[in-house]
Protein backbone atom coordinates (compact mmCIF):
# COMPACT_ATOMS: atom_id res chain seq x y z
CA UNK A 1 0.03 -0.42 -0.06
CA UNK A 2 1.39 3.40 -0.71
CA UNK A 3 2.37 6.00 1.96
CA UNK A 4 2.00 9.18 1.89
CA UNK A 5 2.87 12.91 3.17
CA UNK A 6 -0.14 14.11 4.34
CA UNK A 7 -0.51 18.00 3.05
CA UNK A 8 -3.37 19.58 4.28
CA UNK A 9 -5.02 16.31 5.10
CA UNK A 10 -4.73 15.15 1.48
CA UNK A 11 -1.96 12.48 0.09
CA UNK A 12 0.70 14.39 -2.21
CA UNK A 13 4.33 12.90 -1.80
CA UNK A 14 5.00 9.27 -1.88
CA UNK A 15 7.68 8.20 0.46
CA UNK A 16 9.61 4.79 0.74
CA UNK A 17 8.05 1.76 2.29
CA UNK A 18 8.82 -1.66 2.12
CA UNK A 19 5.53 -2.89 0.36
CA UNK A 20 4.95 -0.72 -1.98
CA UNK A 21 5.36 -2.19 -5.75
CA UNK A 22 8.39 -3.00 -7.69
CA UNK A 23 8.54 -1.65 -11.14
CA UNK A 24 11.76 -1.77 -13.47
CA UNK A 25 13.02 1.35 -15.17
CA UNK A 26 12.17 1.56 -19.10
CA UNK A 27 12.27 3.70 -21.58
CA UNK A 28 8.63 2.94 -23.13
CA UNK A 29 7.67 3.68 -19.51
CA UNK A 30 9.70 7.22 -19.61
CA UNK A 31 8.49 8.15 -22.99
CA UNK A 32 4.92 7.89 -21.55
CA UNK A 33 5.75 10.26 -18.69
CA UNK A 34 7.61 12.83 -20.88
CA UNK A 35 5.61 12.82 -23.87
CA UNK A 36 1.86 12.52 -21.82
CA UNK A 37 1.29 12.97 -17.99
CA UNK A 38 4.72 14.83 -17.26
CA UNK A 39 4.27 16.97 -20.03
CA UNK A 40 8.04 17.74 -19.92
CA UNK A 41 7.49 19.49 -23.55
CA UNK A 42 5.37 22.21 -22.18
CA UNK A 43 8.36 24.29 -20.79
CA UNK A 44 11.09 22.54 -22.92
CA UNK A 45 9.79 22.41 -26.72
CA UNK A 46 10.29 25.77 -28.14
CA UNK A 47 7.46 27.66 -29.33
CA UNK A 48 6.89 28.67 -33.14
CA UNK A 49 4.28 30.94 -34.75
CA UNK A 50 1.70 27.79 -34.66
CA UNK A 51 2.26 26.33 -31.35
CA UNK A 52 5.08 23.75 -30.08
CA UNK A 53 7.73 23.38 -32.30
CA UNK A 54 8.31 19.99 -32.50
CA UNK A 55 11.13 19.47 -34.70
CA UNK A 56 13.39 21.14 -31.96
CA UNK A 57 11.34 19.39 -29.28
CA UNK A 58 12.81 19.67 -25.68
CA UNK A 59 15.65 21.82 -26.84
CA UNK A 60 14.43 24.30 -24.21
CA UNK A 61 12.96 28.11 -24.40
CA UNK A 62 12.24 31.21 -22.24
CA UNK A 63 9.79 30.07 -19.98
CA UNK A 64 8.76 33.30 -17.74
CA UNK A 65 9.74 36.37 -17.71
CA UNK A 66 8.95 38.85 -14.68
CA UNK A 67 10.23 41.29 -12.22
CA UNK A 68 11.34 38.36 -10.22
CA UNK A 69 13.50 36.13 -12.64
CA UNK A 70 13.58 35.54 -16.64
CA UNK A 71 13.81 31.45 -16.51
CA UNK A 72 14.88 29.61 -19.49
CA UNK A 73 14.01 25.77 -20.22
CA UNK A 74 17.27 24.16 -20.86
CA UNK A 75 17.91 21.94 -23.97
CA UNK A 76 16.99 18.09 -22.14
CA UNK A 77 17.88 16.28 -25.41
CA UNK A 78 21.64 14.50 -26.07
CA UNK A 79 22.56 17.98 -27.91
CA UNK A 80 22.46 20.39 -24.44
CA UNK A 81 24.82 20.30 -21.82
CA UNK A 82 23.21 17.79 -19.76
CA UNK A 83 24.42 14.97 -22.09
CA UNK A 84 27.47 15.48 -20.04
CA UNK A 85 25.88 14.78 -16.71
CA UNK A 86 25.70 11.10 -15.44
CA UNK A 87 22.34 9.58 -15.11
CA UNK A 88 22.52 10.10 -11.36
CA UNK A 89 23.31 13.62 -11.66
CA UNK A 90 20.11 14.14 -14.05
CA UNK A 91 17.73 12.62 -11.25
CA UNK A 92 19.70 15.18 -8.36
CA UNK A 93 18.68 18.05 -10.89
CA UNK A 94 15.20 16.84 -11.49
CA UNK A 95 13.76 15.97 -7.77
CA UNK A 96 16.58 18.19 -6.21
CA UNK A 97 17.03 21.26 -8.67
CA UNK A 98 20.56 21.06 -7.96
CA UNK A 99 23.20 20.76 -10.82
CA UNK A 100 26.24 18.81 -10.65
CA UNK A 101 28.44 21.82 -9.75
CA UNK A 102 26.50 22.29 -6.21
CA UNK A 103 24.77 25.36 -8.30
CA UNK A 104 20.64 25.29 -7.88
CA UNK A 105 18.04 25.39 -10.10
CA UNK A 106 15.48 28.14 -9.86
CA UNK A 107 11.62 28.19 -10.51
CA UNK A 108 9.29 27.17 -12.31
CA UNK A 109 10.53 23.75 -11.84
CA UNK A 110 8.01 22.13 -9.23
CA UNK A 111 10.67 20.56 -6.94
CA UNK A 112 8.35 20.51 -4.04
CA UNK A 113 6.60 17.77 -6.36
CA UNK A 114 9.04 16.08 -8.46
CA UNK A 115 11.07 15.07 -5.02
CA UNK A 116 8.53 12.56 -4.77
CA UNK A 117 9.22 10.86 -7.89
CA UNK A 118 9.80 7.00 -7.69
CA UNK A 119 13.02 6.10 -8.84
CA UNK A 120 11.75 3.97 -11.24
CA UNK A 121 9.88 6.84 -12.87
CA UNK A 122 12.60 9.25 -13.05
CA UNK A 123 14.92 6.78 -14.20
CA UNK A 124 12.59 6.17 -17.42
CA UNK A 125 12.48 9.41 -17.60
CA UNK A 126 16.20 9.78 -18.11
CA UNK A 127 16.53 6.40 -19.69
CA UNK A 128 14.24 8.46 -22.48
CA UNK A 129 16.10 11.63 -22.76
CA UNK A 130 19.05 9.72 -24.02
CA UNK A 131 17.24 8.31 -26.72
CA UNK A 132 16.00 11.51 -28.11
CA UNK A 133 17.69 13.22 -31.52
CA UNK A 134 19.81 15.49 -30.45
CA UNK A 135 18.94 19.05 -30.89
CA UNK A 136 21.82 21.40 -31.17
CA UNK A 137 22.01 24.61 -29.20
CA UNK A 138 21.68 25.38 -25.47
CA UNK A 139 19.52 28.46 -24.07
CA UNK A 140 20.78 31.39 -21.84
CA UNK A 141 21.24 31.25 -18.10
CA UNK A 142 18.57 32.24 -16.11
CA UNK A 143 18.42 35.39 -14.27
CA UNK A 144 16.90 35.74 -10.23
CA UNK A 145 16.29 38.91 -9.03
CA UNK A 146 15.10 37.27 -5.85
CA UNK A 147 17.15 35.11 -3.15
CA UNK A 148 17.08 31.54 -4.03
CA UNK A 149 16.82 29.43 -0.90
CA UNK A 150 19.88 27.01 -0.03
CA UNK A 151 18.24 24.04 -1.12
CA UNK A 152 14.71 22.71 -1.89
CA UNK A 153 14.91 19.98 1.05
CA UNK A 154 17.28 17.42 2.13
CA UNK A 155 18.88 14.85 -0.11
CA UNK A 156 16.15 11.98 -1.57
CA UNK A 157 17.45 8.58 -0.88
CA UNK A 158 14.93 6.64 -2.53
CA UNK A 159 11.30 6.78 -3.28
CA UNK A 160 9.84 3.27 -4.02
CA UNK A 161 7.31 3.04 -6.94
CA UNK A 162 3.36 3.64 -5.88
CA UNK A 163 1.04 0.32 -6.41
CA UNK A 164 -0.58 1.57 -9.82
CA UNK A 165 -4.30 1.46 -10.07
CA UNK A 166 -7.50 3.43 -9.99
CA UNK A 167 -7.05 4.79 -6.45
CA UNK A 168 -6.66 7.78 -4.68
CA UNK A 169 -3.31 7.41 -3.61
CA UNK A 170 -2.03 6.54 -7.00
CA UNK A 171 -4.16 9.83 -8.41
CA UNK A 172 -2.35 11.71 -5.60
CA UNK A 173 0.84 10.42 -7.32
CA UNK A 174 0.16 11.16 -10.50
CA UNK A 175 -1.46 14.41 -9.97
CA UNK A 176 1.14 15.48 -7.51
CA UNK A 177 4.93 14.33 -8.40
CA UNK A 178 3.99 13.07 -12.18
CA UNK A 179 1.84 15.84 -13.95
CA UNK A 180 2.60 18.63 -11.01
CA UNK A 181 -1.23 19.56 -11.22
CA UNK A 182 -1.19 20.69 -7.96
CA UNK A 183 1.56 23.02 -8.33
CA UNK A 184 -0.14 25.30 -10.94
CA UNK A 185 -3.80 24.71 -9.22
CA UNK A 186 -2.19 25.65 -5.73
CA UNK A 187 -2.44 28.93 -4.93
CA UNK A 188 1.40 30.82 -4.15
CA UNK A 189 2.92 32.43 -1.04
CA UNK A 190 5.96 33.68 -0.50
CA UNK A 191 7.72 30.22 -0.42
CA UNK A 192 5.93 28.98 -3.18
CA UNK A 193 2.51 26.86 -3.59
CA UNK A 194 1.01 26.77 -0.12
CA UNK A 195 0.12 22.77 -0.52
CA UNK A 196 -0.33 22.26 2.92
CA UNK A 197 -3.06 24.47 3.50
CA UNK A 198 -4.58 25.32 0.29
CA UNK A 199 -3.98 22.27 -2.03
CA UNK A 200 -6.04 22.76 -5.49
CA UNK A 201 -7.33 25.78 -4.02
CA UNK A 202 -6.73 27.34 -7.51
CA UNK A 203 -6.65 31.22 -8.01
CA UNK A 204 -2.66 31.48 -9.50
CA UNK A 205 -2.82 34.25 -12.46
CA UNK A 206 -0.66 32.73 -15.88
CA UNK A 207 0.01 35.65 -18.21
CA UNK A 208 1.27 35.24 -21.62
CA UNK A 209 0.25 36.25 -25.16
CA UNK A 210 -3.19 34.80 -24.93
CA UNK A 211 -4.00 38.05 -21.79
CA UNK A 212 -4.08 36.53 -18.00
CA UNK A 213 -5.68 33.04 -17.40
CA UNK A 214 -6.24 31.75 -13.50
CA UNK A 215 -5.86 28.28 -12.52
CA UNK A 216 -9.30 26.45 -11.60
CA UNK A 217 -10.01 24.58 -7.98
CA UNK A 218 -9.67 21.70 -8.24
CA UNK A 219 -10.97 20.63 -5.07
CA UNK A 220 -14.92 19.69 -4.61
CA UNK A 221 -16.28 22.90 -3.57
CA UNK A 222 -19.78 23.18 -4.42
CA UNK A 223 -19.59 26.43 -5.96
CA UNK A 224 -15.77 27.41 -6.69
CA UNK A 225 -14.36 23.87 -7.38
CA UNK A 226 -15.34 20.76 -9.86
CA UNK A 227 -18.32 18.87 -7.47
CA UNK A 228 -20.56 20.88 -10.44
CA UNK A 229 -19.24 18.39 -13.11
CA UNK A 230 -19.42 14.89 -14.16
CA UNK A 231 -16.39 12.90 -14.20
CA UNK A 232 -17.06 13.11 -18.00
CA UNK A 233 -16.75 16.79 -18.30
CA UNK A 234 -13.74 17.00 -15.99
CA UNK A 235 -12.32 14.49 -18.42
CA UNK A 236 -13.16 16.54 -21.72
CA UNK A 237 -11.29 19.60 -19.33
CA UNK A 238 -8.28 17.98 -18.53
CA UNK A 239 -7.45 16.27 -21.97
CA UNK A 240 -9.26 18.61 -24.61
CA UNK A 241 -9.13 22.31 -23.03
CA UNK A 242 -13.16 22.48 -23.44
CA UNK A 243 -15.54 23.84 -21.19
CA UNK A 244 -18.64 22.27 -20.51
CA UNK A 245 -20.48 24.66 -22.84
CA UNK A 246 -18.42 23.94 -25.45
CA UNK A 247 -15.76 27.22 -24.71
CA UNK A 248 -11.88 26.79 -25.25
CA UNK A 249 -10.04 27.07 -22.28
CA UNK A 250 -6.72 29.42 -21.79
CA UNK A 251 -3.08 28.36 -21.73
CA UNK A 252 -1.03 27.01 -20.41
CA UNK A 253 -2.72 23.82 -19.54
CA UNK A 254 -0.71 20.96 -21.24
CA UNK A 255 -3.95 19.46 -22.70
CA UNK A 256 -1.79 17.66 -25.95
CA UNK A 257 -0.10 15.97 -23.02
CA UNK A 258 -2.37 15.25 -20.78
CA UNK A 259 -4.88 13.34 -23.82
CA UNK A 260 -2.00 10.94 -24.16
CA UNK A 261 -3.02 9.08 -20.36
CA UNK A 262 -4.46 5.76 -20.04
CA UNK A 263 -7.89 5.94 -19.14
CA UNK A 264 -7.09 4.26 -15.58
CA UNK A 265 -4.42 6.95 -15.39
CA UNK A 266 -7.15 9.71 -15.56
CA UNK A 267 -9.66 7.96 -13.76
CA UNK A 268 -7.18 8.05 -10.75
CA UNK A 269 -6.49 11.70 -10.74
CA UNK A 270 -10.21 12.56 -11.34
CA UNK A 271 -10.75 10.06 -8.10
CA UNK A 272 -8.24 11.70 -6.28
CA UNK A 273 -9.26 15.22 -7.26
CA UNK A 274 -12.93 14.33 -5.74
CA UNK A 275 -11.27 13.35 -2.32
CA UNK A 276 -9.24 16.82 -2.04
CA UNK A 277 -10.70 18.93 0.84
CA UNK A 278 -13.24 21.40 -0.83
CA UNK A 279 -12.01 24.87 -0.36
CA UNK A 280 -13.13 28.11 -2.03
CA UNK A 281 -11.77 29.80 -5.13
CA UNK A 282 -8.26 31.43 -3.50
CA UNK A 283 -8.14 35.33 -4.42
C-alpha cells in the first residue's frame, strides 16, 4: 500500500515503504511520462507561430519573464549540456534542483513535487531522454532577481514506486509528482505553492500572449470547485481544454500531453481530486 506525506490532509508525496510495488525503469515508461502526463515539452519545447515546434522537441525555450526572474528551460536532449551529466546527476537535478556543480536550479521547476518521483519513474525519464534526437544549441542561463533558498529539502535518498491502479493514492502520485497539477492549481505564497493549507484551491494567475488565465479550483467545492462537473466533463476539460458549454480554455494547461494518459490514470486523478478538502477559490 502506498504511504504518503499528508499535506493539508491530502496525500501528495509518496514516501519509501517496504510494501510498495516494484517496477523496473524502462524507456517505454519514460516516453509515456515525458510525452504524456509529465508534459515536459510544455516548458522545454520551443514555441513557433503555430504552437510547439516539435522539430526541436525539448530543445529548451524562454519560459517566464517577470520582475522576479527570467527563466529559461534548458535543452534536455543529447544536444544540450545535460548530455554530459551522469544519470544520477540528472536524477538529482530533476528531483532536488541541484546541478552537478552544486548550484541550484530556480523556479518554475516544481521541485516540491518532483522530489516525490519514484526511483523507477525518474530513471525511466532519464533513460528516455538519452534516446532523443539531439537538438543542437543551448538556452541562456536563467536570471533571478530574488534570493534562491539553500536547497529545496534534504537529499532524496530513495522513493519507492507506488502501487498503480484507479485509487486515490495513485491519483495523488499522478496529480502531484508526475503531472504536477497541484503546482499550478495551488495558490502561491512567499515560499511557493501553499500545499499544506490550500492544495488545489486555484487562483494563481498565468500571464502570456493569450492574456491572463486563472488556475481553476480543483477541489470538490460545491460552488467554486469541481463538484458541479461530471467525470466525463472533467475528462474533456483535462484532455481537450473544453468547458462543458463548449468554450475553449486558455493556456498554459498542457492538454495535448494529458490527452495521452491512459484511461485508468485519468480516472485515478479524478478520483483523487474528488477526495480533496473542499476549499473556496483563493483570491
